[in-house]
Amino acid sequence: MTDISLFKHPDCFYIGGEWVKPSSSASIDVLNSSTEERFLTVAEAQAGDVNRAVAAARTAFDIGPWPQLSHAERAAYLIEIGEEFTRRAHDTALHWSTESGLLHKAALNLAGTLEGIYKFYAAQASTYPFLERHTAADGGVGLLVREPVGVVAAIIPWNAPPLLTAHKCSPALLAGCTVILKASPEAPGAAYMLAEACETVGVPPGVVNILTADREVSELLVRHPNVDKVTFTGSTAAGRKIASICGERIARCTLELGGKSPAVILDDFDVEVAAKTLAERTPFLTGQVCASLTRIIVSERKHDALVDALSAELAKIYVGNAFDPASNMGPLAMQRQRDRVEGYIKKGKAEGAQLAYGGSRPAHLNRGYFIEPTLFGRVDNRSSIGRDEIFGPVLSVIPASSEAQAVEIANDTIYGLNAAVFTNDAERAYSIGRKIRSGSVGHNGHRTDFTIAFGGFKQSGMGREGGKESLSAFTEIKTLVLNELPASAAKQLT
């Protein structure tokens, strides 16, 4: 499958409201993860392109109309952008499945939700407290104002670019920021989709700019003195580097990083039901999800029963081409990701874990980056497969001697992104959920919610995305103490 006709200018960048030629002839071939064939070729940004994009965003923020528009006026653009994504939902799904390996039927469903994300943030224009009145300590009128943080570099990964683009760019734009969206070399489609949507609806020049670049050039964007904030989703290793660079120049950053998320199965919960619930989620994006529940902690006496039940459920998963309606799980996104997953499967065996299911490439597929869903039992939480984020469909079952030890094991990790507690008792779910050091905890399953907040404790990140928390991340707080309330401020407060 080779189709570059979906985009008008794959050989260009969208900068300053125009499609501009790159500063060099460097390009990136995007491969079909199901077939390993070239799917798309796009321009690869170099230092000059980064500087040009930052300059455009800086100008649009400093002297352009965008920050001076009302929140309602900016919201109107978000609504139109969302409608454009609905109009092109099939194009979004095609790219997502081809680039990342997400089943096409799932990609179509998720593409249909993008408009709702843009409209969700647009609705915050009338509900978020951008301006609050206080009584100052000296008796004057105190105003707390939340103003846009400035120029934002939004760096998105290759696993879920349409969703993450929406969740990063929408609140930034509503707040009044301008954006440089840096796409992953493996999955640039969503960035081009946003650029074309912005062009269609007439977003002012320089408000949204898009580049595709690899790590070295991306770092130039993070280091750039005219970038006020970096919002990044990706590995914890990359997040550490970004945080250190931002720290050097006191730039703001939001980091949504890796996870090794525990599912704690209490003894009152049926292991067959738990196995079915966990196995149903395992194929999603072929396990390339930072919040996946990959560490399954269960009592010693129920360990073997859970492993047997999970093995039976995983055996029902048919691995195949992302566009095959019969497939339950598609490929991993790229060669290096499959190499990584296979490397961890090898480590799991070497470290003494019991391989209960999978562990190999599917015998019927000789092309594409496929791997079987894989299950290990009797995993030591201190082992590589118990400790490291694998980012693939590999589950580890860890026995615990008591409920207290189960919580201890759940927290014995550098990560803290997501978790779940399986129990029939809501009080126990709440009690244990409060003890687990994690940004999200679901009752009886994977239950994260971007309409509330999403993000991690510990080395799973800094800050939150989703809900009003995401808007806060794109604002700076200013305190004004005045003798009286200005009429213009009074109008905003009504």
Protein backbone atom coordinates (compact mmCIF):
# COMPACT_ATOMS: atom_id res chain seq x y z
CA MET A 1 0.00 0.00 0.00
CA THR A 2 1.58 3.29 -1.11
CA ASP A 3 -0.60 6.39 -0.94
CA ILE A 4 0.81 9.86 -0.47
CA SER A 5 -2.24 11.44 -2.14
CA LEU A 6 -4.03 11.72 1.21
CA PHE A 7 -1.89 14.75 1.96
CA LYS A 8 -1.36 17.75 -0.28
CA HIS A 9 2.23 18.46 0.72
CA PRO A 10 4.02 15.53 2.42
CA ASP A 11 7.31 16.96 1.19
CA CYS A 12 6.76 20.24 3.06
CA PHE A 13 6.28 21.60 6.57
CA TYR A 14 3.36 23.72 7.70
CA ILE A 15 4.93 26.89 9.11
CA GLY A 16 3.45 30.36 9.48
CA GLY A 17 0.21 29.31 7.81
CA GLU A 18 1.94 28.11 4.65
CA TRP A 19 3.34 24.89 3.23
CA VAL A 20 7.05 25.60 3.02
CA LYS A 21 9.87 23.66 1.44
CA PRO A 22 12.32 22.09 3.89
CA SER A 23 15.82 23.44 4.35
CA SER A 24 17.34 20.19 3.07
CA SER A 25 16.50 17.19 0.92
CA ALA A 26 16.35 14.86 3.96
CA SER A 27 13.26 12.68 4.06
CA ILE A 28 11.70 9.90 6.10
CA ASP A 29 10.10 6.73 4.74
CA VAL A 30 7.11 5.62 6.79
CA LEU A 31 6.57 1.85 6.72
CA ASN A 32 3.39 -0.19 6.83
CA SER A 33 3.71 -2.13 10.09
CA SER A 34 1.67 -5.04 8.73
CA THR A 35 3.66 -5.50 5.52
CA GLU A 36 7.00 -3.69 6.08
CA GLU A 37 6.43 -1.82 2.79
CA ARG A 38 6.90 1.90 2.30
CA PHE A 39 3.63 3.70 2.87
CA LEU A 40 4.56 7.36 2.85
CA THR A 41 7.59 9.63 2.51
CA VAL A 42 7.70 12.95 4.36
CA ALA A 43 10.21 15.74 4.78
CA GLU A 44 12.64 15.47 7.70
CA ALA A 45 13.25 18.67 9.62
CA GLN A 46 16.71 20.07 10.27
CA ALA A 47 17.91 22.89 12.53
CA GLY A 48 16.88 25.61 10.08
CA ASP A 49 13.33 24.27 9.92
CA VAL A 50 13.06 24.22 13.71
CA ASN A 51 14.23 27.83 13.91
CA ARG A 52 11.75 28.89 11.25
CA ALA A 53 8.85 27.15 13.00
CA VAL A 54 9.73 28.64 16.38
CA ALA A 55 10.04 32.10 14.85
CA ALA A 56 6.59 31.77 13.28
CA ALA A 57 5.03 30.62 16.55
CA ARG A 58 6.84 33.36 18.48
CA THR A 59 5.61 36.07 16.13
CA ALA A 60 2.07 34.73 16.20
CA PHE A 61 2.11 34.82 19.99
CA ASP A 62 3.91 38.12 20.54
CA ILE A 63 2.28 40.28 17.86
CA GLY A 64 -0.38 38.10 16.24
CA PRO A 65 -4.09 38.17 17.05
CA TRP A 66 -4.35 34.74 18.68
CA PRO A 67 -3.67 35.57 22.36
CA GLN A 68 -5.87 38.67 22.07
CA LEU A 69 -8.90 36.73 20.86
CA SER A 70 -11.51 35.82 23.43
CA HIS A 71 -11.62 32.26 24.68
CA ALA A 72 -14.97 31.85 22.91
CA GLU A 73 -13.42 32.98 19.62
CA ARG A 74 -10.60 30.48 19.97
CA ALA A 75 -13.10 27.79 20.92
CA ALA A 76 -14.93 28.35 17.65
CA TYR A 77 -11.78 27.37 15.75
CA LEU A 78 -11.43 24.20 17.85
CA ILE A 79 -14.98 23.20 17.01
CA GLU A 80 -14.30 23.60 13.30
CA ILE A 81 -11.04 21.64 13.55
CA GLY A 82 -12.92 18.82 15.26
CA GLU A 83 -15.49 18.79 12.49
CA GLU A 84 -12.70 18.50 9.92
CA PHE A 85 -11.38 15.40 11.71
CA THR A 86 -14.82 13.84 11.55
CA ARG A 87 -15.01 14.60 7.84
CA ARG A 88 -11.67 12.85 7.36
CA ALA A 89 -12.09 10.07 9.91
CA HIS A 90 -11.34 7.38 7.34
CA ASP A 91 -8.04 9.06 6.42
CA THR A 92 -7.10 9.30 10.10
CA ALA A 93 -7.89 5.63 10.65
CA LEU A 94 -5.95 4.57 7.56
CA HIS A 95 -2.80 6.28 8.73
CA TRP A 96 -3.12 5.20 12.35
CA SER A 97 -3.51 1.53 11.47
CA THR A 98 -0.77 1.56 8.86
CA GLU A 99 1.77 3.43 10.96
CA SER A 100 1.15 2.04 14.46
CA GLY A 101 -0.53 -1.34 13.94
CA LEU A 102 -3.84 -0.45 15.59
CA LEU A 103 -6.65 -2.61 14.22
CA HIS A 104 -8.45 -0.66 11.52
CA LYS A 105 -11.87 -1.26 13.03
CA ALA A 106 -10.62 0.18 16.34
CA ALA A 107 -8.96 3.09 14.54
CA LEU A 108 -12.22 3.95 12.80
CA ASN A 109 -14.07 3.99 16.11
CA LEU A 110 -11.46 6.16 17.79
CA ALA A 111 -11.18 8.52 14.83
CA GLY A 112 -14.87 9.19 15.32
CA THR A 113 -14.20 10.46 18.85
CA LEU A 114 -11.69 13.16 17.89
CA GLU A 115 -14.32 15.81 17.23
CA GLY A 116 -15.62 15.26 20.75
CA ILE A 117 -12.16 15.92 22.20
CA TYR A 118 -11.82 19.26 20.41
CA LYS A 119 -15.35 20.21 21.44
CA PHE A 120 -14.70 19.14 25.04
CA TYR A 121 -11.86 21.63 25.33
CA ALA A 122 -13.81 24.27 23.41
CA ALA A 123 -16.55 24.00 26.05
CA GLN A 124 -13.99 24.95 28.72
CA ALA A 125 -14.04 28.48 27.31
CA SER A 126 -17.18 29.19 29.33
CA THR A 127 -16.43 27.12 32.44
CA TYR A 128 -12.71 27.38 33.20
CA PRO A 129 -11.74 30.11 35.72
CA PHE A 130 -9.44 32.18 33.52
CA LEU A 131 -10.24 35.18 35.75
CA GLU A 132 -11.10 35.08 39.47
CA ARG A 133 -11.92 37.92 41.83
CA HIS A 134 -10.46 38.02 45.35
CA THR A 135 -10.34 40.52 48.18
CA ALA A 136 -6.74 41.67 48.51
CA ALA A 137 -5.03 41.69 51.89
CA ASP A 138 -4.87 45.50 51.77
CA GLY A 139 -8.56 45.77 51.02
CA GLY A 140 -8.17 46.34 47.30
CA VAL A 141 -9.58 44.30 44.44
CA GLY A 142 -7.52 41.20 43.81
CA LEU A 143 -7.67 39.51 40.43
CA LEU A 144 -6.12 36.15 39.68
CA VAL A 145 -5.61 35.83 35.94
CA ARG A 146 -4.58 32.69 34.07
CA GLU A 147 -2.78 33.79 30.92
CA PRO A 148 -1.31 31.66 28.10
CA VAL A 149 2.17 30.30 28.84
CA GLY A 150 3.39 31.25 25.37
CA VAL A 151 5.00 29.18 22.60
CA VAL A 152 4.45 25.45 23.12
CA ALA A 153 6.44 22.57 21.65
CA ALA A 154 4.13 19.55 21.56
CA ILE A 155 6.06 16.32 21.00
CA ILE A 156 3.92 13.28 20.30
CA PRO A 157 4.83 9.58 20.08
CA TRP A 158 4.03 7.01 17.42
CA ASN A 159 1.46 4.83 19.21
CA ALA A 160 -1.63 7.09 19.42
CA PRO A 161 -0.83 10.33 17.59
CA PRO A 162 -4.40 11.42 16.68
CA LEU A 163 -5.60 11.25 20.29
CA LEU A 164 -2.49 12.76 21.82
CA THR A 165 -2.37 15.56 19.24
CA ALA A 166 -5.91 16.49 20.19
CA HIS A 167 -5.28 16.34 23.94
CA LYS A 168 -2.12 18.46 23.71
CA CYS A 169 -3.03 21.03 21.09
CA SER A 170 -6.65 21.71 22.03
CA PRO A 171 -6.04 23.04 25.56
CA ALA A 172 -2.91 24.89 24.47
CA LEU A 173 -4.81 26.65 21.69
CA LEU A 174 -7.81 27.46 23.86
CA ALA A 175 -5.53 28.98 26.49
CA GLY A 176 -4.10 31.29 23.81
CA CYS A 177 -0.77 29.58 23.17
CA THR A 178 0.82 29.02 19.79
CA VAL A 179 2.10 25.54 18.95
CA ILE A 180 4.89 23.73 17.16
CA LEU A 181 3.69 20.14 16.79
CA LYS A 182 6.63 17.75 16.39
CA ALA A 183 5.54 14.46 14.85
CA SER A 184 7.20 11.10 15.32
CA PRO A 185 9.20 9.90 12.29
CA GLU A 186 7.27 6.61 12.40
CA ALA A 187 3.81 8.21 12.49
CA PRO A 188 3.55 11.74 11.04
CA GLY A 189 0.04 11.35 9.64
CA ALA A 190 -1.89 12.96 12.49
CA ALA A 191 0.28 16.09 12.39
CA TYR A 192 -0.37 16.56 8.66
CA MET A 193 -4.07 16.03 9.30
CA LEU A 194 -4.09 18.80 11.90
CA ALA A 195 -2.15 21.15 9.65
CA GLU A 196 -4.58 20.64 6.79
CA ALA A 197 -7.52 21.13 9.15
CA CYS A 198 -6.03 24.40 10.40
CA GLU A 199 -5.48 25.54 6.83
CA THR A 200 -9.08 24.67 5.90
CA VAL A 201 -10.71 26.49 8.82
CA GLY A 202 -8.42 29.51 8.59
CA VAL A 203 -6.47 29.37 11.83
CA PRO A 204 -4.27 32.52 11.83
CA PRO A 205 -0.72 32.12 10.50
CA GLY A 206 1.88 30.76 12.92
CA VAL A 207 -0.62 29.57 15.51
CA VAL A 208 -0.07 25.91 14.56
CA ASN A 209 3.13 24.72 12.90
CA ILE A 210 4.12 21.14 12.12
CA LEU A 211 7.46 19.40 11.73
CA THR A 212 8.61 15.79 11.56
CA ALA A 213 12.02 15.13 13.08
CA ASP A 214 14.10 12.51 14.81
CA ARG A 215 15.59 12.86 18.29
CA GLU A 216 18.65 14.99 17.60
CA VAL A 217 16.70 17.72 15.83
CA SER A 218 13.81 17.39 18.28
CA GLU A 219 16.24 18.24 21.07
CA LEU A 220 16.93 21.56 19.35
CA LEU A 221 13.26 22.36 19.76
CA VAL A 222 13.37 21.51 23.47
CA ARG A 223 16.47 23.68 23.94
CA HIS A 224 15.20 26.63 21.94
CA PRO A 225 15.11 29.80 24.09
CA ASN A 226 11.93 31.02 22.38
CA VAL A 227 9.95 27.92 23.35
CA ASP A 228 8.19 28.62 26.66
CA LYS A 229 6.80 25.15 27.34
CA VAL A 230 7.34 21.58 26.23
CA THR A 231 4.59 18.98 26.44
CA PHE A 232 5.88 15.48 25.75
CA THR A 233 4.51 11.95 25.72
CA GLY A 234 7.01 9.13 25.42
CA SER A 235 9.54 7.06 27.27
CA THR A 236 10.77 7.85 30.75
CA ALA A 237 14.35 7.87 29.45
CA ALA A 238 13.51 10.61 26.95
CA GLY A 239 11.45 12.41 29.58
CA ARG A 240 14.41 12.58 31.94
CA LYS A 241 16.47 14.25 29.21
CA ILE A 242 13.72 16.74 28.38
CA ALA A 243 13.18 17.60 32.04
CA SER A 244 16.89 18.23 32.55
CA ILE A 245 17.08 20.51 29.49
CA CYS A 246 13.99 22.44 30.55
CA GLY A 247 15.40 22.69 34.06
CA GLU A 248 18.56 24.33 32.74
CA ARG A 249 16.57 27.24 31.32
CA ILE A 250 13.55 27.08 33.69
CA ALA A 251 11.20 26.25 30.82
CA ARG A 252 7.84 24.76 31.71
CA CYS A 253 7.18 21.12 30.83
CA THR A 254 4.49 18.50 31.10
CA LEU A 255 5.71 14.91 30.80
CA GLU A 256 3.48 11.88 30.30
CA LEU A 257 5.94 9.00 30.48
CA GLY A 258 6.17 5.24 30.88
CA GLY A 259 4.40 2.80 33.13
CA LYS A 260 4.51 -0.68 34.55
CA SER A 261 0.99 -0.70 35.79
CA PRO A 262 -0.26 -3.23 38.36
CA ALA A 263 -3.59 -5.02 38.49
CA VAL A 264 -4.19 -6.26 42.03
CA ILE A 265 -6.60 -9.22 42.07
CA LEU A 266 -8.17 -9.70 45.51
CA ASP A 267 -9.32 -13.12 46.64
CA ASP A 268 -13.02 -12.24 46.57
CA PHE A 269 -12.90 -11.69 42.80
CA ASP A 270 -13.47 -14.48 40.29
CA VAL A 271 -10.22 -15.28 38.46
CA GLU A 272 -12.07 -16.29 35.29
CA VAL A 273 -13.72 -12.87 35.09
CA ALA A 274 -10.44 -11.12 35.85
CA ALA A 275 -8.66 -13.13 33.15
CA LYS A 276 -11.29 -12.30 30.56
CA THR A 277 -11.19 -8.59 31.40
CA LEU A 278 -7.40 -8.40 31.27
CA ALA A 279 -7.11 -10.47 28.09
CA GLU A 280 -9.68 -8.35 26.29
CA ARG A 281 -7.52 -5.28 26.81
CA THR A 282 -4.18 -6.92 25.96
CA PRO A 283 -4.51 -6.72 22.12
CA PHE A 284 -5.31 -2.99 22.08
CA LEU A 285 -2.56 -1.28 20.08
CA THR A 286 -0.63 -4.56 20.48
CA GLY A 287 0.18 -3.59 24.06
CA GLN A 288 1.89 -0.37 22.96
CA VAL A 289 0.10 1.61 25.65
CA CYS A 290 1.90 3.31 28.52
CA ALA A 291 -0.99 2.63 30.92
CA SER A 292 -1.38 -1.10 30.13
CA LEU A 293 -1.99 -3.35 33.12
CA THR A 294 0.99 -5.62 32.57
CA ARG A 295 1.89 -6.59 36.19
CA ILE A 296 -0.88 -8.83 37.51
CA ILE A 297 -0.60 -9.41 41.25
CA VAL A 298 -2.63 -12.22 42.79
CA SER A 299 -2.55 -14.32 45.93
CA GLU A 300 -0.30 -17.36 45.92
CA ARG A 301 -3.26 -19.72 46.24
CA LYS A 302 -4.97 -18.29 43.14
CA HIS A 303 -1.85 -17.80 41.03
CA ASP A 304 -2.02 -21.02 39.02
CA ALA A 305 -5.75 -20.72 38.38
CA LEU A 306 -5.31 -17.18 37.07
CA VAL A 307 -2.41 -18.19 34.82
CA ASP A 308 -4.48 -21.04 33.37
CA ALA A 309 -7.47 -18.76 32.81
CA LEU A 310 -5.37 -16.05 31.19
CA SER A 311 -3.66 -18.58 28.92
CA ALA A 312 -7.04 -19.82 27.74
CA GLU A 313 -8.24 -16.28 27.02
CA LEU A 314 -5.08 -15.21 25.20
CA ALA A 315 -5.34 -18.30 23.01
CA LYS A 316 -8.55 -16.82 21.56
CA ILE A 317 -6.70 -13.80 20.15
CA TYR A 318 -6.09 -14.04 16.42
CA VAL A 319 -3.03 -12.05 15.34
CA GLY A 320 -3.14 -10.69 11.82
CA ASN A 321 -2.96 -7.75 9.44
CA ALA A 322 -4.37 -4.58 11.01
CA PHE A 323 -6.85 -4.29 8.11
CA ASP A 324 -8.08 -7.89 8.31
CA PRO A 325 -11.58 -7.90 9.90
CA ALA A 326 -10.79 -11.28 11.45
CA SER A 327 -7.79 -9.95 13.39
CA ASN A 328 -8.02 -9.39 17.14
CA MET A 329 -4.50 -7.95 17.37
CA GLY A 330 -2.30 -6.29 14.78
CA PRO A 331 1.47 -5.85 14.55
CA LEU A 332 3.86 -3.85 16.63
CA ALA A 333 4.69 -0.53 15.04
CA MET A 334 8.25 -1.17 13.87
CA GLN A 335 11.19 -3.54 13.71
CA ARG A 336 13.01 -2.09 16.71
CA GLN A 337 9.90 -2.43 18.85
CA ARG A 338 9.51 -6.10 17.98
CA ASP A 339 13.21 -6.62 18.70
CA ARG A 340 12.68 -5.00 22.10
CA VAL A 341 9.70 -7.19 22.95
CA GLU A 342 11.47 -10.36 21.81
CA GLY A 343 14.50 -9.35 23.86
CA TYR A 344 12.38 -9.10 27.01
CA ILE A 345 10.72 -12.44 26.32
CA LYS A 346 14.18 -13.97 26.13
CA LYS A 347 15.15 -12.26 29.41
CA GLY A 348 12.00 -13.54 31.08
CA LYS A 349 12.90 -17.11 30.23
CA ALA A 350 16.51 -16.65 31.30
CA GLU A 351 15.51 -15.14 34.64
CA GLY A 352 13.37 -18.12 35.57
CA ALA A 353 9.82 -16.92 34.92
CA GLN A 354 7.43 -19.57 33.62
CA LEU A 355 6.38 -18.96 30.02
CA ALA A 356 2.72 -19.91 30.09
CA TYR A 357 1.58 -18.74 26.65
CA GLY A 358 2.97 -17.23 23.45
CA GLY A 359 6.49 -15.89 23.24
CA SER A 360 7.03 -16.23 19.49
CA ARG A 361 6.18 -14.71 16.15
CA PRO A 362 2.93 -16.10 14.70
CA ALA A 363 3.77 -19.00 12.38
CA HIS A 364 1.32 -17.90 9.68
CA LEU A 365 2.84 -14.40 9.25
CA ASN A 366 6.21 -14.01 7.54
CA ARG A 367 5.98 -10.24 6.95
CA GLY A 368 5.12 -7.44 9.34
CA TYR A 369 6.15 -6.77 12.92
CA PHE A 370 3.97 -9.38 14.59
CA ILE A 371 4.33 -11.08 17.97
CA GLU A 372 2.04 -13.40 19.89
CA PRO A 373 0.34 -12.23 23.07
CA THR A 374 2.62 -13.55 25.78
CA LEU A 375 2.11 -14.56 29.40
CA PHE A 376 4.62 -15.32 32.13
CA GLY A 377 3.78 -16.81 35.51
CA ARG A 378 5.80 -16.92 38.74
CA VAL A 379 7.42 -13.60 37.88
CA ASP A 380 9.77 -11.98 40.37
CA ASN A 381 8.85 -8.30 40.67
CA ARG A 382 12.59 -7.47 40.76
CA SER A 383 13.25 -9.19 37.42
CA SER A 384 13.56 -7.40 34.09
CA ILE A 385 10.08 -8.34 32.92
CA GLY A 386 8.66 -7.41 36.32
CA ARG A 387 10.47 -4.08 36.46
CA ASP A 388 10.88 -2.65 32.95
CA GLU A 389 8.29 -1.22 30.61
CA ILE A 390 8.21 -3.60 27.64
CA PHE A 391 5.59 -1.76 25.55
CA GLY A 392 4.15 -4.85 23.98
CA PRO A 393 1.54 -7.57 24.68
CA VAL A 394 3.50 -9.24 27.47
CA LEU A 395 1.79 -9.94 30.81
CA SER A 396 3.53 -10.95 34.04
CA VAL A 397 1.67 -12.69 36.87
CA ILE A 398 3.26 -12.10 40.28
CA PRO A 399 2.22 -14.08 43.37
CA ALA A 400 1.75 -12.30 46.71
CA SER A 401 1.57 -13.84 50.18
CA SER A 402 -1.00 -11.33 51.49
CA GLU A 403 -3.07 -8.33 50.55
CA ALA A 404 -0.51 -6.08 52.24
CA GLN A 405 2.28 -7.59 50.19
CA ALA A 406 0.23 -7.18 47.03
CA VAL A 407 0.07 -3.43 47.67
CA GLU A 408 3.78 -3.39 48.49
CA ILE A 409 4.58 -5.12 45.20
CA ALA A 410 2.29 -2.76 43.30
CA ASN A 411 4.24 0.21 44.67
CA ASP A 412 7.68 -1.38 44.25
CA THR A 413 8.41 0.32 40.93
CA ILE A 414 9.84 3.57 39.61
CA TYR A 415 6.54 4.08 37.77
CA GLY A 416 3.11 5.19 38.91
CA LEU A 417 0.90 5.82 35.89
CA ASN A 418 -2.07 3.47 36.13
CA ALA A 419 -3.38 0.62 38.28
CA ALA A 420 -6.47 -1.47 38.93
CA VAL A 421 -8.02 -3.23 41.89
CA PHE A 422 -10.23 -6.25 41.20
CA THR A 423 -12.70 -6.81 44.01
CA ASN A 424 -16.46 -7.08 44.52
CA ASP A 425 -16.24 -4.62 47.42
CA ALA A 426 -16.17 -0.92 46.45
CA GLU A 427 -14.86 0.04 49.91
CA ARG A 428 -11.87 -2.27 49.50
CA ALA A 429 -11.29 -0.95 45.98
CA TYR A 430 -11.25 2.60 47.34
CA SER A 431 -9.06 1.75 50.32
CA ILE A 432 -6.44 -0.11 48.31
CA GLY A 433 -6.68 2.35 45.43
CA ARG A 434 -5.71 5.13 47.85
CA LYS A 435 -2.66 3.11 48.95
CA ILE A 436 -1.35 2.55 45.44
CA ARG A 437 0.98 5.32 44.28
CA SER A 438 -0.50 5.85 40.84
CA GLY A 439 -2.05 8.68 38.85
CA SER A 440 -5.08 6.56 37.92
CA VAL A 441 -6.70 3.56 39.59
CA GLY A 442 -9.57 1.63 38.03
CA HIS A 443 -12.07 -0.66 39.73
CA ASN A 444 -12.15 -4.09 38.07
CA GLY A 445 -10.38 -3.02 34.91
CA HIS A 446 -8.39 -0.49 32.89
CA ARG A 447 -10.35 2.71 33.56
CA THR A 448 -8.49 5.93 32.79
CA ASP A 449 -10.36 9.16 32.05
CA PHE A 450 -9.01 12.15 30.14
CA THR A 451 -12.13 14.16 30.94
CA ILE A 452 -10.94 14.22 34.58
CA ALA A 453 -7.12 14.01 34.49
CA PHE A 454 -4.42 11.64 33.28
CA GLY A 455 -0.79 11.47 34.32
CA GLY A 456 1.62 9.73 36.65
CA PHE A 457 3.32 9.64 40.00
CA LYS A 458 7.08 9.13 40.34
CA GLN A 459 8.92 8.59 37.05
CA SER A 460 5.71 8.22 35.08
CA GLY A 461 5.62 11.94 34.53
CA MET A 462 5.04 15.50 35.64
CA GLY A 463 1.71 17.27 35.40
CA ARG A 464 -1.61 16.08 34.03
CA GLU A 465 -3.42 15.98 30.73
CA GLY A 466 -7.18 16.01 30.29
CA GLY A 467 -9.97 17.98 31.94
CA LYS A 468 -9.38 21.39 33.43
CA GLU A 469 -5.96 20.21 34.66
CA SER A 470 -4.67 20.28 31.10
CA LEU A 471 -5.71 23.89 30.68
CA SER A 472 -3.87 24.83 33.86
CA ALA A 473 -0.71 23.34 32.36
CA PHE A 474 -0.81 25.86 29.51
CA THR A 475 -1.31 28.95 31.66
CA GLU A 476 0.73 31.24 33.87
CA ILE A 477 -0.88 32.80 36.94
CA LYS A 478 -0.79 36.55 37.37
CA THR A 479 -2.03 38.45 40.43
CA LEU A 480 -3.34 41.97 39.97
CA VAL A 481 -4.16 44.18 42.99
CA LEU A 482 -6.22 47.20 41.96
CA ASN A 483 -8.05 50.00 43.68
CA GLU A 484 -11.33 49.09 42.03
CA LEU A 485 -12.76 46.54 39.62
CA PRO A 486 -12.34 47.62 35.97
CA ALA A 487 -15.45 47.41 33.82
CA SER A 488 -13.75 45.08 31.32
CA ALA A 489 -12.86 42.64 34.10
CA ALA A 490 -16.34 42.86 35.56
CA LYS A 491 -17.76 41.88 32.17
CA GLN A 492 -15.55 38.77 32.07
CA LEU A 493 -16.61 37.78 35.58
CA THR A 494 -20.34 37.84 34.78
